[in-house]
Amino acid sequence: MGLLNVIDKFENFVGVNFWTMIFAWINLLILYLFLKKLLFKPLKNMIDSRQKEIDGMYSDAESSRSEAERMKGEYEQLISHACEESEQILKDAHRRAQLKEEEILREANAEAARTIERAEEQIELEKKNAINQVKNEVSEMAIGIASAVIERDVNAEEHRDLINDFINNMGNEND
């Protein structure tokens, strides 16, 4: 009975009954198993579901961020392409404007050349008309002079030579 004697002395010293302590430990174990079954598992399931929900949110946020970056890249590429296209359109418009300007200048120069040519032809025609008119007047004057000279007894050959010399001299002076 040595063991019971030691337990009795221990109980007297500590003031705890050994069987009460064993029942307390068994009650604690039953309470732990009961709480584990009814409280810890549902709590753990709730925490796990919240963790999955949070992980899903992070995953969605990451996919949204990567999608936003992809869209940003596409947008920047579209803007770059639009800028290049607008520059090309401006260059084409500028080139067409220069070609149109050159065409207008060519047409204006051609028209000016035709106008100058017509003016020169008109001047030449007027000059010929003026020379012919002057020749006619000179011829009439020459005939008048010739008839005055004929009264002086000039023969027909001298008369013709005088008129031709006079007309030729008049034509050379005008040129």
N, C-alpha and C. Protein backbone atom coordinates (compact mmCIF):
# COMPACT_ATOMS: atom_id res chain seq x y z
N MET A 1 0.79 -1.16 0.00
CA MET A 1 0.00 0.00 0.00
C MET A 1 0.85 1.24 0.00
N GLY A 2 1.91 1.08 -0.51
CA GLY A 2 2.81 2.19 -0.49
C GLY A 2 2.39 3.28 -1.44
N LEU A 3 1.78 2.88 -2.57
CA LEU A 3 1.40 3.87 -3.57
C LEU A 3 0.22 4.67 -3.08
N LEU A 4 -0.73 4.02 -2.44
CA LEU A 4 -1.89 4.74 -1.94
C LEU A 4 -1.46 5.67 -0.82
N ASN A 5 -0.51 5.25 -0.10
CA ASN A 5 -0.02 6.09 0.98
C ASN A 5 0.63 7.34 0.40
N VAL A 6 1.36 7.23 -0.65
CA VAL A 6 2.02 8.37 -1.29
C VAL A 6 0.97 9.29 -1.90
N ILE A 7 -0.06 8.73 -2.49
CA ILE A 7 -1.11 9.54 -3.11
C ILE A 7 -1.85 10.30 -2.02
N ASP A 8 -2.10 9.64 -0.88
CA ASP A 8 -2.80 10.30 0.21
C ASP A 8 -1.96 11.46 0.73
N LYS A 9 -0.66 11.24 0.86
CA LYS A 9 0.21 12.30 1.35
C LYS A 9 0.25 13.45 0.33
N PHE A 10 0.25 13.12 -0.94
CA PHE A 10 0.27 14.14 -1.99
C PHE A 10 -1.01 14.95 -1.95
N GLU A 11 -2.16 14.24 -1.77
CA GLU A 11 -3.44 14.92 -1.71
C GLU A 11 -3.48 15.83 -0.50
N ASN A 12 -2.95 15.39 0.61
CA ASN A 12 -2.96 16.22 1.80
C ASN A 12 -2.04 17.44 1.58
N PHE A 13 -0.91 17.21 0.97
CA PHE A 13 0.03 18.30 0.75
C PHE A 13 -0.52 19.32 -0.23
N VAL A 14 -1.04 18.90 -1.40
CA VAL A 14 -1.53 19.78 -2.45
C VAL A 14 -2.97 20.18 -2.14
N GLY A 15 -3.71 19.39 -1.59
CA GLY A 15 -5.09 19.66 -1.28
C GLY A 15 -5.99 19.29 -2.43
N VAL A 16 -5.53 18.41 -3.33
CA VAL A 16 -6.32 17.99 -4.49
C VAL A 16 -6.49 16.49 -4.38
N ASN A 17 -7.70 16.07 -4.65
CA ASN A 17 -7.99 14.66 -4.63
C ASN A 17 -7.55 14.09 -5.97
N PHE A 18 -6.83 12.94 -5.93
CA PHE A 18 -6.30 12.33 -7.13
C PHE A 18 -7.41 11.96 -8.08
N TRP A 19 -8.49 11.39 -7.63
CA TRP A 19 -9.58 10.96 -8.49
C TRP A 19 -10.30 12.20 -9.05
N THR A 20 -10.34 13.24 -8.33
CA THR A 20 -10.97 14.48 -8.82
C THR A 20 -10.13 15.03 -9.98
N MET A 21 -8.83 14.92 -9.81
CA MET A 21 -7.94 15.41 -10.84
C MET A 21 -8.09 14.56 -12.10
N ILE A 22 -8.21 13.27 -12.00
CA ILE A 22 -8.36 12.41 -13.17
C ILE A 22 -9.69 12.72 -13.84
N PHE A 23 -10.75 12.89 -13.05
CA PHE A 23 -12.04 13.23 -13.64
C PHE A 23 -11.98 14.61 -14.33
N ALA A 24 -11.22 15.53 -13.77
CA ALA A 24 -11.07 16.86 -14.36
C ALA A 24 -10.36 16.73 -15.72
N TRP A 25 -9.30 15.87 -15.75
CA TRP A 25 -8.57 15.67 -17.01
C TRP A 25 -9.47 14.98 -18.04
N ILE A 26 -10.26 14.03 -17.64
CA ILE A 26 -11.17 13.34 -18.56
C ILE A 26 -12.23 14.34 -19.05
N ASN A 27 -12.76 15.15 -18.14
CA ASN A 27 -13.74 16.17 -18.54
C ASN A 27 -13.10 17.16 -19.54
N LEU A 28 -11.87 17.53 -19.28
CA LEU A 28 -11.16 18.45 -20.19
C LEU A 28 -10.98 17.81 -21.55
N LEU A 29 -10.64 16.53 -21.58
CA LEU A 29 -10.45 15.82 -22.85
C LEU A 29 -11.78 15.72 -23.60
N ILE A 30 -12.85 15.41 -22.90
CA ILE A 30 -14.18 15.32 -23.53
C ILE A 30 -14.59 16.69 -24.04
N LEU A 31 -14.34 17.72 -23.23
CA LEU A 31 -14.68 19.08 -23.65
C LEU A 31 -13.87 19.46 -24.90
N TYR A 32 -12.61 19.11 -24.92
CA TYR A 32 -11.75 19.41 -26.09
C TYR A 32 -12.30 18.71 -27.32
N LEU A 33 -12.60 17.40 -27.22
CA LEU A 33 -13.12 16.66 -28.37
C LEU A 33 -14.48 17.23 -28.81
N PHE A 34 -15.32 17.57 -27.86
CA PHE A 34 -16.62 18.14 -28.16
C PHE A 34 -16.46 19.49 -28.89
N LEU A 35 -15.60 20.35 -28.35
CA LEU A 35 -15.37 21.67 -28.98
C LEU A 35 -14.72 21.50 -30.35
N LYS A 36 -13.82 20.53 -30.43
CA LYS A 36 -13.16 20.29 -31.71
C LYS A 36 -14.20 19.92 -32.75
N LYS A 37 -15.12 19.05 -32.40
CA LYS A 37 -16.12 18.59 -33.33
C LYS A 37 -17.13 19.69 -33.65
N LEU A 38 -17.60 20.40 -32.64
CA LEU A 38 -18.66 21.37 -32.84
C LEU A 38 -18.18 22.80 -33.10
N LEU A 39 -17.00 23.16 -32.65
CA LEU A 39 -16.57 24.55 -32.78
C LEU A 39 -15.35 24.69 -33.69
N PHE A 40 -14.33 23.93 -33.47
CA PHE A 40 -13.08 24.12 -34.21
C PHE A 40 -13.22 23.78 -35.69
N LYS A 41 -13.90 22.65 -36.01
CA LYS A 41 -14.05 22.28 -37.42
C LYS A 41 -14.87 23.33 -38.18
N PRO A 42 -16.05 23.75 -37.71
CA PRO A 42 -16.78 24.79 -38.44
C PRO A 42 -15.99 26.09 -38.52
N LEU A 43 -15.29 26.43 -37.44
CA LEU A 43 -14.48 27.65 -37.44
C LEU A 43 -13.35 27.53 -38.46
N LYS A 44 -12.70 26.37 -38.48
CA LYS A 44 -11.62 26.14 -39.45
C LYS A 44 -12.18 26.17 -40.87
N ASN A 45 -13.35 25.53 -41.08
CA ASN A 45 -13.98 25.56 -42.41
C ASN A 45 -14.31 27.00 -42.82
N MET A 46 -14.80 27.80 -41.88
CA MET A 46 -15.13 29.19 -42.17
C MET A 46 -13.85 29.97 -42.51
N ILE A 47 -12.79 29.74 -41.75
CA ILE A 47 -11.51 30.42 -42.01
C ILE A 47 -10.97 29.98 -43.36
N ASP A 48 -11.06 28.67 -43.66
CA ASP A 48 -10.57 28.19 -44.96
C ASP A 48 -11.37 28.79 -46.11
N SER A 49 -12.69 28.87 -45.95
CA SER A 49 -13.51 29.45 -47.02
C SER A 49 -13.18 30.94 -47.19
N ARG A 50 -12.96 31.65 -46.09
CA ARG A 50 -12.56 33.07 -46.18
C ARG A 50 -11.20 33.19 -46.87
N GLN A 51 -10.29 32.27 -46.54
CA GLN A 51 -8.97 32.30 -47.17
C GLN A 51 -9.09 32.06 -48.67
N LYS A 52 -9.95 31.09 -49.06
CA LYS A 52 -10.16 30.84 -50.48
C LYS A 52 -10.77 32.06 -51.16
N GLU A 53 -11.70 32.71 -50.48
CA GLU A 53 -12.34 33.91 -51.02
C GLU A 53 -11.31 35.03 -51.20
N ILE A 54 -10.45 35.19 -50.20
CA ILE A 54 -9.40 36.23 -50.28
C ILE A 54 -8.41 35.89 -51.37
N ASP A 55 -8.02 34.60 -51.46
CA ASP A 55 -7.11 34.18 -52.53
C ASP A 55 -7.75 34.42 -53.90
N GLY A 56 -9.06 34.14 -54.01
CA GLY A 56 -9.78 34.40 -55.26
C GLY A 56 -9.78 35.88 -55.59
N MET A 57 -9.96 36.73 -54.56
CA MET A 57 -9.94 38.18 -54.79
C MET A 57 -8.56 38.62 -55.28
N TYR A 58 -7.51 38.09 -54.63
CA TYR A 58 -6.15 38.43 -55.07
C TYR A 58 -5.91 37.94 -56.50
N SER A 59 -6.39 36.75 -56.80
CA SER A 59 -6.23 36.21 -58.15
C SER A 59 -6.98 37.06 -59.17
N ASP A 60 -8.23 37.45 -58.83
CA ASP A 60 -9.01 38.31 -59.72
C ASP A 60 -8.34 39.67 -59.89
N ALA A 61 -7.82 40.20 -58.78
CA ALA A 61 -7.14 41.50 -58.85
C ALA A 61 -5.90 41.40 -59.72
N GLU A 62 -5.16 40.32 -59.60
CA GLU A 62 -3.95 40.13 -60.40
C GLU A 62 -4.31 39.97 -61.88
N SER A 63 -5.35 39.18 -62.16
CA SER A 63 -5.76 39.01 -63.56
C SER A 63 -6.31 40.33 -64.12
N SER A 64 -7.03 41.09 -63.29
CA SER A 64 -7.52 42.40 -63.73
C SER A 64 -6.36 43.35 -64.01
N ARG A 65 -5.35 43.30 -63.14
CA ARG A 65 -4.18 44.16 -63.33
C ARG A 65 -3.44 43.78 -64.61
N SER A 66 -3.26 42.47 -64.83
CA SER A 66 -2.56 42.04 -66.05
C SER A 66 -3.39 42.38 -67.28
N GLU A 67 -4.71 42.25 -67.19
CA GLU A 67 -5.59 42.62 -68.31
C GLU A 67 -5.51 44.12 -68.57
N ALA A 68 -5.47 44.91 -67.50
CA ALA A 68 -5.35 46.37 -67.65
C ALA A 68 -4.02 46.73 -68.30
N GLU A 69 -2.95 46.05 -67.91
CA GLU A 69 -1.64 46.32 -68.52
C GLU A 69 -1.65 45.94 -69.99
N ARG A 70 -2.30 44.80 -70.31
CA ARG A 70 -2.38 44.37 -71.70
C ARG A 70 -3.18 45.39 -72.52
N MET A 71 -4.31 45.85 -71.94
CA MET A 71 -5.12 46.84 -72.64
C MET A 71 -4.38 48.16 -72.78
N LYS A 72 -3.59 48.51 -71.75
CA LYS A 72 -2.80 49.74 -71.82
C LYS A 72 -1.79 49.64 -72.95
N GLY A 73 -1.15 48.47 -73.07
CA GLY A 73 -0.19 48.26 -74.16
C GLY A 73 -0.87 48.37 -75.53
N GLU A 74 -2.05 47.75 -75.64
CA GLU A 74 -2.79 47.84 -76.90
C GLU A 74 -3.18 49.28 -77.20
N TYR A 75 -3.63 49.99 -76.16
CA TYR A 75 -4.03 51.39 -76.32
C TYR A 75 -2.84 52.24 -76.78
N GLU A 76 -1.69 52.05 -76.14
CA GLU A 76 -0.49 52.81 -76.51
C GLU A 76 -0.08 52.47 -77.94
N GLN A 77 -0.22 51.19 -78.32
CA GLN A 77 0.12 50.79 -79.68
C GLN A 77 -0.84 51.45 -80.67
N LEU A 78 -2.13 51.48 -80.32
CA LEU A 78 -3.11 52.12 -81.19
C LEU A 78 -2.83 53.62 -81.32
N ILE A 79 -2.49 54.24 -80.21
CA ILE A 79 -2.17 55.67 -80.26
C ILE A 79 -0.94 55.91 -81.12
N SER A 80 0.06 55.06 -80.95
CA SER A 80 1.28 55.19 -81.75
C SER A 80 0.95 55.02 -83.23
N HIS A 81 0.15 54.02 -83.53
CA HIS A 81 -0.24 53.77 -84.92
C HIS A 81 -1.04 54.95 -85.47
N ALA A 82 -1.94 55.49 -84.64
CA ALA A 82 -2.75 56.63 -85.07
C ALA A 82 -1.87 57.85 -85.33
N CYS A 83 -0.87 58.05 -84.47
CA CYS A 83 0.05 59.18 -84.68
C CYS A 83 0.82 59.01 -85.98
N GLU A 84 1.31 57.80 -86.23
CA GLU A 84 2.04 57.55 -87.46
C GLU A 84 1.13 57.75 -88.67
N GLU A 85 -0.10 57.29 -88.56
CA GLU A 85 -1.04 57.42 -89.66
C GLU A 85 -1.37 58.89 -89.91
N SER A 86 -1.55 59.67 -88.84
CA SER A 86 -1.85 61.09 -89.01
C SER A 86 -0.67 61.82 -89.63
N GLU A 87 0.56 61.45 -89.22
CA GLU A 87 1.74 62.06 -89.84
C GLU A 87 1.81 61.71 -91.32
N GLN A 88 1.48 60.48 -91.67
CA GLN A 88 1.49 60.06 -93.07
C GLN A 88 0.43 60.82 -93.86
N ILE A 89 -0.75 61.00 -93.26
CA ILE A 89 -1.81 61.74 -93.93
C ILE A 89 -1.37 63.18 -94.17
N LEU A 90 -0.74 63.79 -93.15
CA LEU A 90 -0.26 65.16 -93.31
C LEU A 90 0.81 65.25 -94.39
N LYS A 91 1.73 64.28 -94.42
CA LYS A 91 2.78 64.27 -95.45
C LYS A 91 2.15 64.14 -96.84
N ASP A 92 1.15 63.23 -96.96
CA ASP A 92 0.49 63.05 -98.25
C ASP A 92 -0.22 64.33 -98.68
N ALA A 93 -0.91 64.96 -97.73
CA ALA A 93 -1.61 66.21 -98.04
C ALA A 93 -0.63 67.30 -98.46
N HIS A 94 0.49 67.38 -97.76
CA HIS A 94 1.51 68.37 -98.09
C HIS A 94 2.08 68.09 -99.49
N ARG A 95 2.35 66.82 -99.78
CA ARG A 95 2.90 66.44 -101.09
C ARG A 95 1.88 66.76 -102.18
N ARG A 96 0.59 66.44 -101.94
CA ARG A 96 -0.43 66.75 -102.94
C ARG A 96 -0.55 68.26 -103.15
N ALA A 97 -0.44 69.02 -102.05
CA ALA A 97 -0.51 70.48 -102.16
C ALA A 97 0.66 71.01 -102.99
N GLN A 98 1.86 70.44 -102.77
CA GLN A 98 3.02 70.88 -103.54
C GLN A 98 2.84 70.54 -105.02
N LEU A 99 2.34 69.32 -105.30
CA LEU A 99 2.11 68.93 -106.69
C LEU A 99 1.09 69.85 -107.34
N LYS A 100 0.02 70.17 -106.61
CA LYS A 100 -1.01 71.07 -107.13
C LYS A 100 -0.42 72.46 -107.38
N GLU A 101 0.41 72.91 -106.43
CA GLU A 101 1.06 74.22 -106.59
C GLU A 101 1.94 74.23 -107.83
N GLU A 102 2.73 73.16 -108.01
CA GLU A 102 3.61 73.08 -109.19
C GLU A 102 2.79 73.04 -110.47
N GLU A 103 1.67 72.31 -110.45
CA GLU A 103 0.81 72.22 -111.63
C GLU A 103 0.22 73.59 -111.95
N ILE A 104 -0.24 74.31 -110.91
CA ILE A 104 -0.81 75.65 -111.12
C ILE A 104 0.25 76.59 -111.67
N LEU A 105 1.47 76.50 -111.12
CA LEU A 105 2.56 77.36 -111.63
C LEU A 105 2.88 77.03 -113.08
N ARG A 106 2.92 75.72 -113.42
CA ARG A 106 3.19 75.33 -114.81
C ARG A 106 2.11 75.89 -115.74
N GLU A 107 0.86 75.73 -115.31
CA GLU A 107 -0.24 76.24 -116.13
C GLU A 107 -0.17 77.75 -116.27
N ALA A 108 0.15 78.44 -115.17
CA ALA A 108 0.25 79.90 -115.21
C ALA A 108 1.40 80.33 -116.11
N ASN A 109 2.54 79.63 -116.00
CA ASN A 109 3.69 79.96 -116.87
C ASN A 109 3.36 79.69 -118.33
N ALA A 110 2.66 78.56 -118.59
CA ALA A 110 2.29 78.25 -119.97
C ALA A 110 1.33 79.31 -120.50
N GLU A 111 0.36 79.68 -119.67
CA GLU A 111 -0.60 80.71 -120.09
C GLU A 111 0.12 82.05 -120.32
N ALA A 112 1.06 82.37 -119.43
CA ALA A 112 1.82 83.62 -119.60
C ALA A 112 2.64 83.56 -120.88
N ALA A 113 3.25 82.39 -121.16
CA ALA A 113 4.04 82.25 -122.38
C ALA A 113 3.14 82.39 -123.61
N ARG A 114 1.93 81.78 -123.55
CA ARG A 114 1.00 81.90 -124.68
C ARG A 114 0.56 83.36 -124.85
N THR A 115 0.32 84.02 -123.73
CA THR A 115 -0.10 85.44 -123.79
C THR A 115 1.02 86.29 -124.37
N ILE A 116 2.25 86.03 -123.94
CA ILE A 116 3.39 86.79 -124.47
C ILE A 116 3.56 86.51 -125.95
N GLU A 117 3.41 85.24 -126.33
CA GLU A 117 3.55 84.87 -127.75
C GLU A 117 2.48 85.56 -128.58
N ARG A 118 1.23 85.55 -128.07
CA ARG A 118 0.15 86.23 -128.80
C ARG A 118 0.43 87.74 -128.88
N ALA A 119 0.94 88.29 -127.76
CA ALA A 119 1.24 89.73 -127.75
C ALA A 119 2.35 90.04 -128.75
N GLU A 120 3.38 89.17 -128.79
CA GLU A 120 4.47 89.40 -129.75
C GLU A 120 3.96 89.27 -131.18
N GLU A 121 3.08 88.26 -131.41
CA GLU A 121 2.48 88.12 -132.75
C GLU A 121 1.66 89.36 -133.09
N GLN A 122 0.89 89.85 -132.11
CA GLN A 122 0.07 91.05 -132.33
C GLN A 122 0.97 92.25 -132.60
N ILE A 123 2.07 92.34 -131.82
CA ILE A 123 3.00 93.46 -132.02
C ILE A 123 3.62 93.37 -133.42
N GLU A 124 4.02 92.14 -133.80
CA GLU A 124 4.62 91.94 -135.12
C GLU A 124 3.62 92.31 -136.22
N LEU A 125 2.37 91.89 -136.05
CA LEU A 125 1.32 92.21 -137.02
C LEU A 125 1.09 93.72 -137.10
N GLU A 126 1.03 94.35 -135.91
CA GLU A 126 0.84 95.81 -135.87
C GLU A 126 2.02 96.53 -136.51
N LYS A 127 3.21 95.98 -136.26
CA LYS A 127 4.42 96.57 -136.83
C LYS A 127 4.38 96.47 -138.36
N LYS A 128 3.98 95.26 -138.84
CA LYS A 128 3.89 95.09 -140.30
C LYS A 128 2.83 96.02 -140.88
N ASN A 129 1.69 96.09 -140.18
CA ASN A 129 0.63 96.99 -140.65
C ASN A 129 1.11 98.45 -140.66
N ALA A 130 1.83 98.83 -139.59
CA ALA A 130 2.34 100.21 -139.53
C ALA A 130 3.35 100.45 -140.64
N ILE A 131 4.23 99.45 -140.86
CA ILE A 131 5.24 99.60 -141.93
C ILE A 131 4.54 99.70 -143.29
N ASN A 132 3.55 98.83 -143.50
CA ASN A 132 2.81 98.87 -144.77
C ASN A 132 2.09 100.20 -144.95
N GLN A 133 1.52 100.68 -143.84
CA GLN A 133 0.82 101.97 -143.92
C GLN A 133 1.81 103.08 -144.23
N VAL A 134 2.97 103.01 -143.53
CA VAL A 134 3.98 104.04 -143.78
C VAL A 134 4.49 103.92 -145.23
N LYS A 135 4.66 102.68 -145.68
CA LYS A 135 5.11 102.50 -147.07
C LYS A 135 4.08 103.06 -148.05
N ASN A 136 2.81 102.80 -147.73
CA ASN A 136 1.76 103.34 -148.62
C ASN A 136 1.80 104.86 -148.62
N GLU A 137 1.94 105.44 -147.42
CA GLU A 137 1.99 106.91 -147.35
C GLU A 137 3.23 107.43 -148.06
N VAL A 138 4.34 106.70 -147.82
CA VAL A 138 5.59 107.12 -148.47
C VAL A 138 5.48 106.95 -149.98
N SER A 139 4.80 105.86 -150.37
CA SER A 139 4.62 105.65 -151.82
C SER A 139 3.83 106.80 -152.41
N GLU A 140 2.78 107.19 -151.67
CA GLU A 140 1.97 108.30 -152.17
C GLU A 140 2.80 109.58 -152.23
N MET A 141 3.61 109.78 -151.16
CA MET A 141 4.45 110.97 -151.16
C MET A 141 5.50 110.86 -152.26
N ALA A 142 5.99 109.63 -152.44
CA ALA A 142 7.00 109.44 -153.47
C ALA A 142 6.41 109.70 -154.85
N ILE A 143 5.16 109.24 -154.99
CA ILE A 143 4.51 109.49 -156.27
C ILE A 143 4.33 110.99 -156.46
N GLY A 144 3.98 111.66 -155.34
CA GLY A 144 3.83 113.11 -155.43
C GLY A 144 5.16 113.77 -155.76
N ILE A 145 6.22 113.28 -155.13
CA ILE A 145 7.55 113.82 -155.39
C ILE A 145 7.97 113.47 -156.81
N ALA A 146 7.62 112.25 -157.18
CA ALA A 146 8.01 111.80 -158.51
C ALA A 146 7.31 112.63 -159.59
N SER A 147 6.04 112.91 -159.32
CA SER A 147 5.36 113.72 -160.33
C SER A 147 5.96 115.13 -160.38
N ALA A 148 6.45 115.61 -159.23
CA ALA A 148 7.10 116.92 -159.23
C ALA A 148 8.44 116.83 -159.94
N VAL A 149 9.11 115.68 -159.76
CA VAL A 149 10.41 115.50 -160.41
C VAL A 149 10.20 115.26 -161.89
N ILE A 150 9.13 114.60 -162.22
CA ILE A 150 8.88 114.31 -163.62
C ILE A 150 8.67 115.62 -164.37
N GLU A 151 8.15 116.49 -163.70
CA GLU A 151 8.00 117.78 -164.33
C GLU A 151 9.36 118.35 -164.63
N ARG A 152 10.39 117.84 -163.98
CA ARG A 152 11.76 118.28 -164.23
C ARG A 152 12.41 117.47 -165.32
N ASP A 153 11.77 116.60 -165.87
CA ASP A 153 12.29 115.73 -166.92
C ASP A 153 13.14 114.59 -166.38
N VAL A 154 12.62 113.80 -165.53
CA VAL A 154 13.33 112.60 -165.04
C VAL A 154 12.70 111.44 -165.79
N ASN A 155 13.54 110.52 -166.21
CA ASN A 155 12.99 109.39 -166.96
C ASN A 155 12.39 108.37 -166.01
N ALA A 156 11.67 107.40 -166.53
CA ALA A 156 10.93 106.42 -165.73
C ALA A 156 11.87 105.55 -164.93
N GLU A 157 13.01 105.21 -165.48
CA GLU A 157 13.98 104.34 -164.77
C GLU A 157 14.51 105.07 -163.56
N GLU A 158 14.87 106.28 -163.66
CA GLU A 158 15.37 107.05 -162.53
C GLU A 158 14.26 107.23 -161.49
N HIS A 159 13.06 107.43 -162.00
CA HIS A 159 11.91 107.60 -161.12
C HIS A 159 11.71 106.35 -160.25
N ARG A 160 11.77 105.17 -160.86
CA ARG A 160 11.59 103.91 -160.13
C ARG A 160 12.72 103.75 -159.11
N ASP A 161 13.93 104.02 -159.52
CA ASP A 161 15.07 103.88 -158.60
C ASP A 161 14.95 104.85 -157.42
N LEU A 162 14.52 106.04 -157.69
CA LEU A 162 14.34 107.00 -156.61
C LEU A 162 13.29 106.53 -155.60
N ILE A 163 12.18 106.02 -156.10
CA ILE A 163 11.11 105.55 -155.22
C ILE A 163 11.58 104.36 -154.40
N ASN A 164 12.22 103.40 -155.07
CA ASN A 164 12.69 102.20 -154.34
C ASN A 164 13.73 102.56 -153.28
N ASP A 165 14.65 103.43 -153.62
CA ASP A 165 15.65 103.87 -152.63
C ASP A 165 14.98 104.56 -151.45
N PHE A 166 14.02 105.40 -151.78
CA PHE A 166 13.32 106.09 -150.70
C PHE A 166 12.57 105.12 -149.78
N ILE A 167 11.85 104.15 -150.37
CA ILE A 167 11.09 103.17 -149.59
C ILE A 167 12.05 102.30 -148.79
N ASN A 168 13.12 101.85 -149.40
CA ASN A 168 14.08 101.00 -148.66
C ASN A 168 14.74 101.77 -147.51
N ASN A 169 15.06 103.01 -147.76
CA ASN A 169 15.64 103.83 -146.70
C ASN A 169 14.64 104.04 -145.57
N MET A 170 13.38 104.22 -145.90
CA MET A 170 12.36 104.40 -144.88
C MET A 170 12.19 103.10 -144.06
N GLY A 171 12.21 101.95 -144.75
CA GLY A 171 12.07 100.67 -144.06
C GLY A 171 13.25 100.39 -143.15
N ASN A 172 14.47 100.75 -143.56
CA ASN A 172 15.66 100.51 -142.74
C ASN A 172 15.72 101.44 -141.54
N GLU A 173 15.23 102.65 -141.69
CA GLU A 173 15.22 103.57 -140.57
C GLU A 173 14.24 103.11 -139.50
N ASN A 174 13.13 102.52 -139.84
CA ASN A 174 12.12 102.06 -138.88
C ASN A 174 12.58 100.79 -138.14
N ASP A 175 13.36 99.96 -138.77
CA ASP A 175 13.82 98.73 -138.13
C ASP A 175 14.84 99.09 -137.13
